[in-house]
């Protein structure tokens, strides 16, 4: 075999080894990227608790087709609560995942007479509540305000960013849901949202989560 041909074979062998190494590196990198997943929880997926509390009816339960929110200087406040209790079971491999976005979607069926800003707050995980027993007197506290959204002037969907809270739930914080309230308002105007028991399926609350696992 000539010296030139031997040198050519050595060069070709080195190129093949480099190509295999690069391919292995790419495969390893791809494996580390994980799987991007989108999951939507609604009344069909089950596991939704929602109800509202009324300061004017302190011991009454309100597990109805509506979620009412109002603010009053006359001790007639109303807060709504919602929890997607099946979150970790309904979304595959959500526990420990990296949460990219989480959006709470509600449908407003009655618009307040005056524009409002609603505050969505994470419920204190040390409290326990259910939609059938929730009252003003036993309602849970909240640990932090998560986001706010405007009431708007027409009926339809409203969304709230709850990414930070779902990230906590995925990392192990107990999920007790959210409280929706009209805080700091001086006018008493009722806003109403469709609950999970609403007769129109498309109007019921839903939670959409995108994540990598």
N, C-alpha and C. Protein backbone atom coordinates (compact mmCIF):
# COMPACT_ATOMS: atom_id res chain seq x y z
N UNK A 1 0.86 -1.19 0.00
CA UNK A 1 0.00 0.00 0.00
C UNK A 1 0.90 1.24 0.00
N UNK A 2 0.54 2.22 -0.85
CA UNK A 2 1.37 3.41 -0.95
C UNK A 2 1.21 4.27 0.30
N UNK A 3 2.21 5.12 0.53
CA UNK A 3 2.19 6.00 1.69
C UNK A 3 0.99 6.95 1.61
N UNK A 4 0.66 7.46 0.41
CA UNK A 4 -0.46 8.40 0.25
C UNK A 4 -1.79 7.74 0.59
N UNK A 5 -1.95 6.49 0.12
CA UNK A 5 -3.22 5.80 0.39
C UNK A 5 -3.36 5.51 1.90
N UNK A 6 -2.28 5.16 2.55
CA UNK A 6 -2.31 4.91 3.99
C UNK A 6 -2.70 6.17 4.75
N UNK A 7 -2.13 7.29 4.32
CA UNK A 7 -2.45 8.56 4.98
C UNK A 7 -3.92 8.92 4.80
N UNK A 8 -4.45 8.63 3.61
CA UNK A 8 -5.86 8.91 3.33
C UNK A 8 -6.76 8.08 4.22
N UNK A 9 -6.43 6.81 4.43
CA UNK A 9 -7.23 5.94 5.28
C UNK A 9 -7.22 6.43 6.73
N UNK A 10 -6.06 6.91 7.17
CA UNK A 10 -5.96 7.42 8.54
C UNK A 10 -6.86 8.64 8.72
N UNK A 11 -6.85 9.53 7.72
CA UNK A 11 -7.67 10.75 7.79
C UNK A 11 -9.15 10.39 7.78
N UNK A 12 -9.54 9.45 6.89
CA UNK A 12 -10.94 9.04 6.83
C UNK A 12 -11.38 8.40 8.15
N UNK A 13 -10.53 7.62 8.77
CA UNK A 13 -10.87 7.00 10.04
C UNK A 13 -11.09 8.04 11.13
N UNK A 14 -10.27 9.06 11.13
CA UNK A 14 -10.41 10.13 12.12
C UNK A 14 -11.72 10.87 11.94
N UNK A 15 -12.11 11.09 10.69
CA UNK A 15 -13.38 11.78 10.40
C UNK A 15 -14.57 10.96 10.87
N UNK A 16 -14.53 9.64 10.65
CA UNK A 16 -15.62 8.77 11.08
C UNK A 16 -15.76 8.82 12.60
N UNK A 17 -14.66 8.77 13.32
CA UNK A 17 -14.69 8.80 14.78
C UNK A 17 -15.26 10.12 15.28
N UNK A 18 -14.89 11.22 14.63
CA UNK A 18 -15.38 12.54 15.03
C UNK A 18 -16.88 12.65 14.79
N UNK A 19 -17.35 12.08 13.68
CA UNK A 19 -18.78 12.12 13.35
C UNK A 19 -19.60 11.34 14.36
N UNK A 20 -19.14 10.15 14.74
CA UNK A 20 -19.83 9.33 15.72
C UNK A 20 -19.88 10.03 17.07
N UNK A 21 -18.78 10.66 17.46
CA UNK A 21 -18.73 11.37 18.74
C UNK A 21 -19.71 12.53 18.75
N UNK A 22 -19.78 13.26 17.63
CA UNK A 22 -20.70 14.40 17.53
C UNK A 22 -22.14 13.94 17.61
N UNK A 23 -22.45 12.82 16.92
CA UNK A 23 -23.81 12.28 16.95
C UNK A 23 -24.20 11.85 18.36
N UNK A 24 -23.28 11.24 19.07
CA UNK A 24 -23.55 10.81 20.44
C UNK A 24 -23.82 12.01 21.33
N UNK A 25 -23.05 13.06 21.11
CA UNK A 25 -23.22 14.28 21.90
C UNK A 25 -24.59 14.90 21.64
N UNK A 26 -25.00 14.91 20.37
CA UNK A 26 -26.31 15.47 20.01
C UNK A 26 -27.43 14.65 20.64
N UNK A 27 -27.28 13.33 20.64
CA UNK A 27 -28.31 12.47 21.23
C UNK A 27 -28.43 12.73 22.72
N UNK A 28 -27.30 12.90 23.38
CA UNK A 28 -27.31 13.16 24.81
C UNK A 28 -27.95 14.50 25.12
N UNK A 29 -27.64 15.52 24.29
CA UNK A 29 -28.23 16.85 24.48
C UNK A 29 -29.74 16.80 24.30
N UNK A 30 -30.19 16.08 23.28
CA UNK A 30 -31.63 15.97 23.01
C UNK A 30 -32.34 15.29 24.17
N UNK A 31 -31.68 14.29 24.75
CA UNK A 31 -32.29 13.57 25.87
C UNK A 31 -32.47 14.49 27.07
N UNK A 32 -31.56 15.43 27.24
CA UNK A 32 -31.63 16.34 28.37
C UNK A 32 -32.70 17.43 28.20
N UNK A 33 -33.18 17.64 26.98
CA UNK A 33 -34.17 18.69 26.73
C UNK A 33 -35.52 18.38 27.37
N UNK A 34 -35.85 17.12 27.57
CA UNK A 34 -37.11 16.75 28.17
C UNK A 34 -38.27 16.80 27.19
N UNK A 35 -39.48 16.59 27.74
CA UNK A 35 -40.69 16.54 26.93
C UNK A 35 -41.57 17.74 27.25
N UNK A 36 -41.93 18.52 26.24
CA UNK A 36 -42.79 19.68 26.40
C UNK A 36 -44.25 19.23 26.34
N UNK A 37 -45.03 19.56 27.38
CA UNK A 37 -46.40 19.06 27.49
C UNK A 37 -47.36 20.20 27.80
N UNK A 38 -48.56 20.12 27.23
CA UNK A 38 -49.64 21.06 27.56
C UNK A 38 -50.81 20.26 28.11
N UNK A 39 -51.37 20.72 29.22
CA UNK A 39 -52.45 20.00 29.90
C UNK A 39 -53.54 20.99 30.28
N UNK A 40 -54.79 20.66 29.96
CA UNK A 40 -55.92 21.51 30.33
C UNK A 40 -56.86 20.75 31.24
N UNK A 41 -57.15 21.34 32.40
CA UNK A 41 -58.09 20.75 33.35
C UNK A 41 -59.40 21.52 33.27
N UNK A 42 -60.50 20.78 33.19
CA UNK A 42 -61.81 21.40 33.15
C UNK A 42 -62.81 20.46 33.83
N UNK A 43 -64.09 20.74 33.67
CA UNK A 43 -65.10 19.92 34.34
C UNK A 43 -65.10 18.48 33.83
N UNK A 44 -64.64 18.27 32.59
CA UNK A 44 -64.59 16.92 32.03
C UNK A 44 -63.51 16.09 32.70
N UNK A 45 -62.39 16.73 33.05
CA UNK A 45 -61.30 16.00 33.69
C UNK A 45 -61.57 15.77 35.17
N UNK A 46 -62.55 16.48 35.72
CA UNK A 46 -62.94 16.29 37.12
C UNK A 46 -61.98 16.93 38.08
N UNK A 47 -62.31 16.82 39.36
CA UNK A 47 -61.41 17.34 40.38
C UNK A 47 -61.42 18.84 40.52
N UNK A 48 -62.61 19.49 40.42
CA UNK A 48 -62.71 20.93 40.63
C UNK A 48 -63.65 21.18 41.81
N UNK A 49 -63.16 21.91 42.78
CA UNK A 49 -63.98 22.42 43.87
C UNK A 49 -64.13 23.92 43.68
N UNK A 50 -65.36 24.43 43.67
CA UNK A 50 -65.54 25.88 43.62
C UNK A 50 -66.85 26.27 44.32
N UNK A 51 -66.80 27.41 44.97
CA UNK A 51 -67.95 27.93 45.71
C UNK A 51 -67.63 29.38 46.08
N UNK A 52 -68.64 30.10 46.58
CA UNK A 52 -68.37 31.45 47.06
C UNK A 52 -68.89 31.63 48.47
N UNK A 53 -68.34 32.62 49.17
CA UNK A 53 -68.75 32.93 50.53
C UNK A 53 -69.39 34.31 50.56
N UNK A 54 -70.33 34.50 51.49
CA UNK A 54 -71.09 35.75 51.58
C UNK A 54 -71.05 36.26 53.01
N UNK A 55 -70.48 37.45 53.18
CA UNK A 55 -70.35 38.01 54.52
C UNK A 55 -71.71 38.31 55.15
N UNK A 56 -72.71 38.52 54.32
CA UNK A 56 -74.05 38.83 54.80
C UNK A 56 -74.82 37.56 55.21
N UNK A 57 -74.28 36.40 54.81
CA UNK A 57 -74.86 35.10 55.19
C UNK A 57 -73.71 34.22 55.67
N UNK A 58 -73.25 34.50 56.85
CA UNK A 58 -71.98 33.97 57.32
C UNK A 58 -71.92 32.45 57.44
N UNK A 59 -73.03 31.81 57.69
CA UNK A 59 -73.04 30.36 57.86
C UNK A 59 -73.64 29.61 56.67
N UNK A 60 -73.93 30.34 55.61
CA UNK A 60 -74.55 29.71 54.44
C UNK A 60 -73.49 29.19 53.47
N UNK A 61 -73.80 28.07 52.82
CA UNK A 61 -72.94 27.54 51.76
C UNK A 61 -73.48 27.97 50.40
N UNK A 62 -72.57 28.12 49.42
CA UNK A 62 -72.99 28.58 48.10
C UNK A 62 -72.26 27.77 47.02
N UNK A 63 -72.61 26.50 46.96
CA UNK A 63 -72.07 25.61 45.94
C UNK A 63 -73.09 25.55 44.81
N UNK A 64 -73.10 26.56 43.95
CA UNK A 64 -74.14 26.74 42.94
C UNK A 64 -73.53 26.78 41.55
N UNK A 65 -74.33 27.18 40.57
CA UNK A 65 -73.85 27.29 39.19
C UNK A 65 -73.08 28.58 38.96
N UNK A 66 -72.99 29.42 40.00
CA UNK A 66 -72.34 30.72 39.86
C UNK A 66 -71.29 30.94 40.93
N UNK A 67 -70.30 31.75 40.60
CA UNK A 67 -69.28 32.21 41.55
C UNK A 67 -69.41 33.73 41.64
N UNK A 68 -69.82 34.22 42.80
CA UNK A 68 -70.07 35.65 42.96
C UNK A 68 -68.89 36.33 43.66
N UNK A 69 -68.62 37.57 43.20
CA UNK A 69 -67.57 38.38 43.80
C UNK A 69 -68.09 39.80 43.94
N UNK A 70 -68.00 40.34 45.16
CA UNK A 70 -68.39 41.74 45.36
C UNK A 70 -67.66 42.30 46.56
N UNK A 71 -67.54 43.64 46.58
CA UNK A 71 -66.91 44.33 47.69
C UNK A 71 -67.91 45.33 48.24
N UNK A 72 -67.92 45.46 49.56
CA UNK A 72 -68.92 46.32 50.18
C UNK A 72 -68.39 46.94 51.47
N UNK A 73 -68.75 48.18 51.73
CA UNK A 73 -68.41 48.82 52.99
C UNK A 73 -69.46 48.53 54.05
N UNK A 74 -70.47 47.74 53.67
CA UNK A 74 -71.58 47.43 54.58
C UNK A 74 -71.58 45.94 54.97
N UNK A 75 -70.40 45.37 55.05
CA UNK A 75 -70.25 43.97 55.46
C UNK A 75 -71.05 43.01 54.58
N UNK A 76 -70.96 43.23 53.27
CA UNK A 76 -71.64 42.35 52.32
C UNK A 76 -70.67 41.86 51.24
N UNK A 77 -69.43 41.66 51.65
CA UNK A 77 -68.43 41.17 50.69
C UNK A 77 -68.74 39.73 50.29
N UNK A 78 -68.31 39.38 49.08
CA UNK A 78 -68.42 38.01 48.59
C UNK A 78 -67.10 37.62 47.93
N UNK A 79 -66.57 36.47 48.32
CA UNK A 79 -65.34 35.94 47.75
C UNK A 79 -65.63 34.61 47.07
N UNK A 80 -64.95 34.35 45.97
CA UNK A 80 -65.07 33.05 45.30
C UNK A 80 -63.79 32.25 45.48
N UNK A 81 -63.95 30.94 45.59
CA UNK A 81 -62.81 30.04 45.76
C UNK A 81 -62.88 28.95 44.70
N UNK A 82 -61.70 28.58 44.18
CA UNK A 82 -61.64 27.50 43.20
C UNK A 82 -60.34 26.73 43.36
N UNK A 83 -60.43 25.42 43.29
CA UNK A 83 -59.25 24.55 43.38
C UNK A 83 -59.38 23.41 42.38
N UNK A 84 -58.34 23.21 41.60
CA UNK A 84 -58.28 22.07 40.68
C UNK A 84 -57.57 20.94 41.43
N UNK A 85 -58.36 20.20 42.17
CA UNK A 85 -57.81 19.22 43.11
C UNK A 85 -57.15 18.03 42.41
N UNK A 86 -57.49 17.80 41.15
CA UNK A 86 -56.90 16.67 40.42
C UNK A 86 -55.69 17.04 39.60
N UNK A 87 -55.09 18.21 39.88
CA UNK A 87 -54.01 18.74 39.06
C UNK A 87 -52.87 17.75 38.84
N UNK A 88 -52.30 17.23 39.90
CA UNK A 88 -51.12 16.36 39.77
C UNK A 88 -51.46 15.02 39.12
N UNK A 89 -52.68 14.55 39.29
CA UNK A 89 -53.07 13.28 38.68
C UNK A 89 -53.48 13.43 37.22
N UNK A 90 -54.09 14.56 36.89
CA UNK A 90 -54.61 14.74 35.53
C UNK A 90 -53.52 15.12 34.53
N UNK A 91 -52.49 15.80 34.99
CA UNK A 91 -51.39 16.21 34.09
C UNK A 91 -50.22 15.26 34.25
N UNK A 92 -49.89 14.46 33.23
CA UNK A 92 -48.85 13.45 33.35
C UNK A 92 -47.49 14.03 33.72
N UNK A 93 -46.85 13.44 34.70
CA UNK A 93 -45.49 13.80 35.11
C UNK A 93 -45.35 15.28 35.49
N UNK A 94 -46.40 15.86 36.02
CA UNK A 94 -46.33 17.28 36.42
C UNK A 94 -45.48 17.46 37.67
N UNK A 95 -45.55 16.51 38.59
CA UNK A 95 -44.77 16.61 39.82
C UNK A 95 -43.28 16.69 39.50
N UNK A 96 -42.64 17.75 39.94
CA UNK A 96 -41.22 17.93 39.70
C UNK A 96 -40.89 18.55 38.35
N UNK A 97 -41.90 18.84 37.54
CA UNK A 97 -41.66 19.40 36.20
C UNK A 97 -41.34 20.89 36.28
N UNK A 98 -40.78 21.41 35.19
CA UNK A 98 -40.52 22.83 35.06
C UNK A 98 -41.73 23.49 34.41
N UNK A 99 -42.42 24.36 35.16
CA UNK A 99 -43.65 24.98 34.67
C UNK A 99 -43.32 26.20 33.82
N UNK A 100 -43.78 26.21 32.59
CA UNK A 100 -43.53 27.32 31.68
C UNK A 100 -44.65 28.36 31.72
N UNK A 101 -45.89 27.90 31.87
CA UNK A 101 -47.03 28.82 31.98
C UNK A 101 -48.21 28.09 32.58
N UNK A 102 -49.06 28.84 33.26
CA UNK A 102 -50.31 28.30 33.82
C UNK A 102 -51.33 29.42 33.81
N UNK A 103 -52.47 29.16 33.18
CA UNK A 103 -53.50 30.19 33.01
C UNK A 103 -54.83 29.70 33.52
N UNK A 104 -55.41 30.48 34.43
CA UNK A 104 -56.76 30.22 34.93
C UNK A 104 -57.74 31.00 34.06
N UNK A 105 -58.73 30.30 33.50
CA UNK A 105 -59.72 30.93 32.64
C UNK A 105 -61.11 30.82 33.27
N UNK A 106 -61.76 31.97 33.42
CA UNK A 106 -63.11 32.04 33.96
C UNK A 106 -64.00 32.75 32.95
N UNK A 107 -65.29 32.45 33.03
CA UNK A 107 -66.26 33.12 32.16
C UNK A 107 -67.15 34.02 33.00
N UNK A 108 -67.11 35.32 32.71
CA UNK A 108 -67.95 36.27 33.43
C UNK A 108 -69.33 36.30 32.81
N UNK A 109 -70.34 36.01 33.62
CA UNK A 109 -71.72 35.97 33.13
C UNK A 109 -72.51 37.22 33.52
N UNK A 110 -72.06 37.92 34.56
CA UNK A 110 -72.66 39.19 34.94
C UNK A 110 -71.54 40.19 35.21
N UNK A 111 -71.56 41.30 34.50
CA UNK A 111 -70.51 42.31 34.62
C UNK A 111 -70.93 43.36 35.67
N UNK A 112 -70.02 43.76 36.54
CA UNK A 112 -70.37 44.79 37.52
C UNK A 112 -70.69 46.12 36.86
N UNK A 113 -71.49 46.92 37.52
CA UNK A 113 -71.90 48.21 36.96
C UNK A 113 -70.71 49.15 36.78
N UNK A 114 -69.73 49.03 37.67
CA UNK A 114 -68.52 49.84 37.58
C UNK A 114 -67.32 48.94 37.35
N UNK A 115 -66.31 49.41 36.60
CA UNK A 115 -65.13 48.59 36.34
C UNK A 115 -64.44 48.16 37.64
N UNK A 116 -64.03 46.91 37.68
CA UNK A 116 -63.39 46.34 38.85
C UNK A 116 -62.06 45.69 38.48
N UNK A 117 -61.19 45.58 39.48
CA UNK A 117 -59.98 44.79 39.34
C UNK A 117 -60.02 43.69 40.37
N UNK A 118 -60.02 42.45 39.90
CA UNK A 118 -60.11 41.30 40.79
C UNK A 118 -58.71 40.77 41.12
N UNK A 119 -58.54 40.38 42.37
CA UNK A 119 -57.26 39.85 42.83
C UNK A 119 -57.37 38.34 43.03
N UNK A 120 -56.45 37.61 42.42
CA UNK A 120 -56.37 36.16 42.58
C UNK A 120 -55.26 35.86 43.57
N UNK A 121 -55.61 35.20 44.68
CA UNK A 121 -54.63 34.92 45.74
C UNK A 121 -54.57 33.42 46.02
N UNK A 122 -53.36 32.94 46.31
CA UNK A 122 -53.19 31.51 46.62
C UNK A 122 -53.68 31.23 48.03
N UNK A 123 -54.50 30.20 48.14
CA UNK A 123 -55.05 29.82 49.45
C UNK A 123 -53.96 29.18 50.31
N UNK A 124 -53.98 29.52 51.57
CA UNK A 124 -53.04 28.98 52.54
C UNK A 124 -53.11 27.44 52.53
N UNK A 125 -51.98 26.77 52.25
CA UNK A 125 -52.01 25.30 52.15
C UNK A 125 -52.30 24.58 53.46
N UNK A 126 -52.26 25.29 54.57
CA UNK A 126 -52.55 24.64 55.85
C UNK A 126 -54.04 24.54 56.13
N UNK A 127 -54.85 25.23 55.29
CA UNK A 127 -56.30 25.18 55.47
C UNK A 127 -56.90 24.05 54.63
N UNK A 128 -58.05 23.57 55.07
CA UNK A 128 -58.81 22.58 54.32
C UNK A 128 -60.21 23.13 54.07
N UNK A 129 -60.67 23.04 52.83
CA UNK A 129 -62.03 23.48 52.52
C UNK A 129 -62.61 22.62 51.41
N UNK A 130 -63.93 22.52 51.38
CA UNK A 130 -64.63 21.82 50.30
C UNK A 130 -65.79 22.68 49.83
N UNK A 131 -66.22 22.46 48.61
CA UNK A 131 -67.27 23.30 48.05
C UNK A 131 -68.63 23.11 48.73
N UNK A 132 -68.81 21.98 49.36
CA UNK A 132 -70.11 21.70 49.99
C UNK A 132 -70.21 22.24 51.42
N UNK A 133 -69.08 22.58 52.02
CA UNK A 133 -69.11 23.04 53.41
C UNK A 133 -68.58 24.46 53.60
N UNK A 134 -68.07 25.08 52.54
CA UNK A 134 -67.45 26.40 52.64
C UNK A 134 -68.47 27.48 53.02
N UNK A 135 -68.14 28.27 54.03
CA UNK A 135 -68.97 29.41 54.44
C UNK A 135 -68.06 30.60 54.70
N UNK A 136 -68.66 31.76 54.95
CA UNK A 136 -67.86 32.93 55.29
C UNK A 136 -67.09 32.69 56.59
N UNK A 137 -67.73 32.06 57.54
CA UNK A 137 -67.10 31.87 58.84
C UNK A 137 -65.96 30.87 58.85
N UNK A 138 -65.96 29.90 57.92
CA UNK A 138 -64.89 28.90 57.93
C UNK A 138 -63.98 28.99 56.70
N UNK A 139 -64.11 30.06 55.93
CA UNK A 139 -63.32 30.18 54.70
C UNK A 139 -61.82 30.26 55.02
N UNK A 140 -60.98 29.72 54.16
CA UNK A 140 -59.53 29.71 54.41
C UNK A 140 -58.91 31.08 54.19
N UNK A 141 -57.74 31.26 54.79
CA UNK A 141 -56.97 32.46 54.53
C UNK A 141 -56.14 32.30 53.27
N UNK A 142 -55.46 33.37 52.88
CA UNK A 142 -54.58 33.33 51.70
C UNK A 142 -53.17 33.72 52.14
N UNK A 143 -52.18 33.25 51.38
CA UNK A 143 -50.79 33.55 51.74
C UNK A 143 -50.17 34.62 50.87
N UNK A 144 -50.68 34.80 49.66
CA UNK A 144 -50.10 35.81 48.77
C UNK A 144 -51.03 36.09 47.60
N UNK A 145 -50.94 37.32 47.09
CA UNK A 145 -51.67 37.68 45.88
C UNK A 145 -50.85 37.22 44.68
N UNK A 146 -51.49 36.48 43.79
CA UNK A 146 -50.80 35.90 42.64
C UNK A 146 -50.85 36.81 41.43
N UNK A 147 -52.04 37.30 41.09
CA UNK A 147 -52.20 38.15 39.92
C UNK A 147 -53.53 38.89 40.01
N UNK A 148 -53.75 39.79 39.07
CA UNK A 148 -54.99 40.56 39.01
C UNK A 148 -55.50 40.58 37.58
N UNK A 149 -56.81 40.76 37.44
CA UNK A 149 -57.38 40.92 36.11
C UNK A 149 -58.58 41.85 36.19
N UNK A 150 -58.89 42.49 35.07
CA UNK A 150 -59.96 43.49 35.02
C UNK A 150 -61.30 42.83 34.73
N UNK A 151 -62.35 43.42 35.30
CA UNK A 151 -63.69 42.88 35.07
C UNK A 151 -64.13 43.10 33.63
N UNK A 152 -63.69 44.21 33.03
CA UNK A 152 -64.15 44.53 31.69
C UNK A 152 -65.57 45.07 31.71
N UNK A 153 -66.12 45.29 30.53
CA UNK A 153 -67.46 45.87 30.43
C UNK A 153 -68.47 44.97 29.73
N UNK A 154 -68.02 43.80 29.29
CA UNK A 154 -68.91 42.85 28.63
C UNK A 154 -68.68 41.46 29.20
N UNK A 155 -69.64 40.60 29.04
CA UNK A 155 -69.47 39.22 29.50
C UNK A 155 -68.47 38.49 28.60
N UNK A 156 -67.97 37.37 29.09
CA UNK A 156 -67.01 36.59 28.31
C UNK A 156 -65.87 36.09 29.18
N UNK A 157 -64.86 35.54 28.55
CA UNK A 157 -63.77 34.93 29.30
C UNK A 157 -62.81 35.96 29.88
N UNK A 158 -62.28 35.62 31.06
CA UNK A 158 -61.23 36.40 31.70
C UNK A 158 -60.12 35.43 32.09
N UNK A 159 -58.88 35.88 32.03
CA UNK A 159 -57.76 34.99 32.34
C UNK A 159 -56.87 35.61 33.42
N UNK A 160 -56.24 34.73 34.18
CA UNK A 160 -55.30 35.15 35.22
C UNK A 160 -54.06 34.26 35.14
N UNK A 161 -52.90 34.87 35.25
CA UNK A 161 -51.63 34.14 35.22
C UNK A 161 -51.36 33.55 36.61
N UNK A 162 -51.33 32.24 36.68
CA UNK A 162 -51.08 31.57 37.97
C UNK A 162 -49.85 30.67 37.87
N UNK A 163 -48.92 31.03 36.98
CA UNK A 163 -47.74 30.21 36.73
C UNK A 163 -46.93 29.97 38.00
N UNK A 164 -46.69 31.02 38.78
CA UNK A 164 -45.86 30.89 39.97
C UNK A 164 -46.46 29.92 40.99
N UNK A 165 -47.78 29.92 41.09
CA UNK A 165 -48.43 29.02 42.05
C UNK A 165 -48.38 27.57 41.59
N UNK A 166 -48.65 27.34 40.32
CA UNK A 166 -48.61 25.96 39.81
C UNK A 166 -47.19 25.40 39.90
N UNK A 167 -46.19 26.28 39.73
CA UNK A 167 -44.80 25.84 39.92
C UNK A 167 -44.58 25.36 41.35
N UNK A 168 -45.19 26.05 42.31
CA UNK A 168 -45.09 25.62 43.70
C UNK A 168 -45.79 24.28 43.92
N UNK A 169 -46.98 24.13 43.31
CA UNK A 169 -47.71 22.86 43.45
C UNK A 169 -46.91 21.71 42.86
N UNK A 170 -46.27 21.96 41.72
CA UNK A 170 -45.49 20.90 41.06
C UNK A 170 -44.26 20.52 41.88
N UNK A 171 -43.77 21.47 42.68
CA UNK A 171 -42.57 21.20 43.47
C UNK A 171 -42.89 20.67 44.87
N UNK A 172 -44.19 20.50 45.17
CA UNK A 172 -44.54 19.85 46.43
C UNK A 172 -45.41 20.64 47.38
N UNK A 173 -45.64 21.94 47.12
CA UNK A 173 -46.52 22.73 47.98
C UNK A 173 -47.96 22.23 47.82
N UNK A 174 -48.66 22.06 48.92
CA UNK A 174 -50.04 21.56 48.88
C UNK A 174 -50.94 22.53 48.12
N UNK A 175 -51.72 21.99 47.20
CA UNK A 175 -52.60 22.79 46.35
C UNK A 175 -53.98 22.92 47.00
N UNK A 176 -54.29 24.13 47.46
CA UNK A 176 -55.61 24.43 47.99
C UNK A 176 -56.35 25.46 47.13
N UNK A 177 -55.79 25.75 45.96
CA UNK A 177 -56.48 26.61 45.01
C UNK A 177 -56.31 28.09 45.26
N UNK A 178 -57.31 28.86 44.79
CA UNK A 178 -57.23 30.32 44.80
C UNK A 178 -58.51 30.96 45.33
N UNK A 179 -58.34 32.16 45.84
CA UNK A 179 -59.48 33.02 46.18
C UNK A 179 -59.52 34.16 45.19
N UNK A 180 -60.72 34.50 44.71
CA UNK A 180 -60.91 35.62 43.80
C UNK A 180 -61.73 36.67 44.53
N UNK A 181 -61.18 37.88 44.65
CA UNK A 181 -61.82 38.90 45.47
C UNK A 181 -61.70 40.27 44.81
N UNK A 182 -62.64 41.14 45.14
CA UNK A 182 -62.60 42.54 44.76
C UNK A 182 -62.13 43.29 46.00
N UNK A 183 -60.86 43.64 46.04
CA UNK A 183 -60.27 44.24 47.24
C UNK A 183 -60.14 45.76 47.09
N UNK A 184 -60.45 46.47 48.14
CA UNK A 184 -60.24 47.91 48.16
C UNK A 184 -61.25 48.72 47.38
N UNK A 185 -62.34 48.10 46.95
CA UNK A 185 -63.34 48.83 46.18
C UNK A 185 -64.33 49.51 47.12
N UNK A 186 -64.78 50.70 46.73
CA UNK A 186 -65.74 51.44 47.56
C UNK A 186 -67.17 51.30 47.06
N UNK A 187 -67.33 50.85 45.84
CA UNK A 187 -68.69 50.68 45.30
C UNK A 187 -69.09 49.21 45.35
N UNK A 188 -70.33 48.96 45.71
CA UNK A 188 -70.83 47.59 45.83
C UNK A 188 -71.43 47.15 44.50
N UNK A 189 -70.64 46.46 43.72
CA UNK A 189 -71.09 45.98 42.41
C UNK A 189 -70.79 44.50 42.30
N UNK A 190 -71.77 43.74 41.93
CA UNK A 190 -71.64 42.29 41.85
C UNK A 190 -71.08 41.85 40.51
N UNK A 191 -70.06 41.01 40.56
CA UNK A 191 -69.56 40.33 39.39
C UNK A 191 -69.81 38.84 39.55
N UNK A 192 -70.23 38.17 38.48
CA UNK A 192 -70.57 36.75 38.57
C UNK A 192 -69.83 35.97 37.49
N UNK A 193 -69.25 34.84 37.89
CA UNK A 193 -68.57 33.94 36.97
C UNK A 193 -69.28 32.59 36.98
N UNK A 194 -69.16 31.87 35.88
CA UNK A 194 -69.73 30.53 35.80
C UNK A 194 -68.89 29.57 36.63
N UNK A 195 -69.54 28.68 37.35
CA UNK A 195 -68.82 27.69 38.16
C UNK A 195 -68.71 26.38 37.39
N UNK A 196 -68.10 25.39 38.01
CA UNK A 196 -67.96 24.07 37.39
C UNK A 196 -69.29 23.36 37.26
N UNK A 197 -70.32 23.88 37.96
CA UNK A 197 -71.66 23.30 37.88
C UNK A 197 -72.55 24.03 36.87
N UNK A 198 -72.00 25.02 36.19
CA UNK A 198 -72.79 25.79 35.23
C UNK A 198 -73.33 24.90 34.12
N UNK A 199 -74.53 25.21 33.64
CA UNK A 199 -75.16 24.39 32.62
C UNK A 199 -74.48 24.42 31.27
N UNK A 200 -73.69 25.46 31.00
CA UNK A 200 -72.96 25.57 29.74
C UNK A 200 -71.53 25.10 29.94
N UNK A 201 -71.21 23.96 29.38
CA UNK A 201 -69.90 23.34 29.60
C UNK A 201 -68.75 24.26 29.22
N UNK A 202 -68.88 24.97 28.10
CA UNK A 202 -67.80 25.83 27.61
C UNK A 202 -67.53 27.01 28.53
N UNK A 203 -68.48 27.33 29.40
CA UNK A 203 -68.32 28.47 30.30
C UNK A 203 -67.66 28.11 31.62
N UNK A 204 -67.49 26.85 31.88
CA UNK A 204 -66.95 26.42 33.17
C UNK A 204 -65.45 26.74 33.30
N UNK A 205 -64.95 26.86 34.52
CA UNK A 205 -63.53 27.20 34.73
C UNK A 205 -62.60 26.15 34.13
N UNK A 206 -61.43 26.60 33.74
CA UNK A 206 -60.41 25.66 33.27
C UNK A 206 -59.02 26.21 33.61
N UNK A 207 -58.09 25.29 33.70
CA UNK A 207 -56.70 25.62 34.00
C UNK A 207 -55.83 24.98 32.94
N UNK A 208 -55.02 25.80 32.26
CA UNK A 208 -54.14 25.30 31.20
C UNK A 208 -52.69 25.46 31.64
N UNK A 209 -51.97 24.34 31.62
CA UNK A 209 -50.57 24.33 32.09
C UNK A 209 -49.66 23.82 30.98
N UNK A 210 -48.56 24.51 30.74
CA UNK A 210 -47.52 24.00 29.85
C UNK A 210 -46.26 23.80 30.68
N UNK A 211 -45.58 22.67 30.44
CA UNK A 211 -44.43 22.33 31.27
C UNK A 211 -43.49 21.38 30.55
N UNK A 212 -42.30 21.27 31.10
CA UNK A 212 -41.28 20.37 30.57
C UNK A 212 -40.91 19.37 31.66
N UNK A 213 -40.89 18.10 31.30
CA UNK A 213 -40.54 17.06 32.29
C UNK A 213 -39.60 16.03 31.68
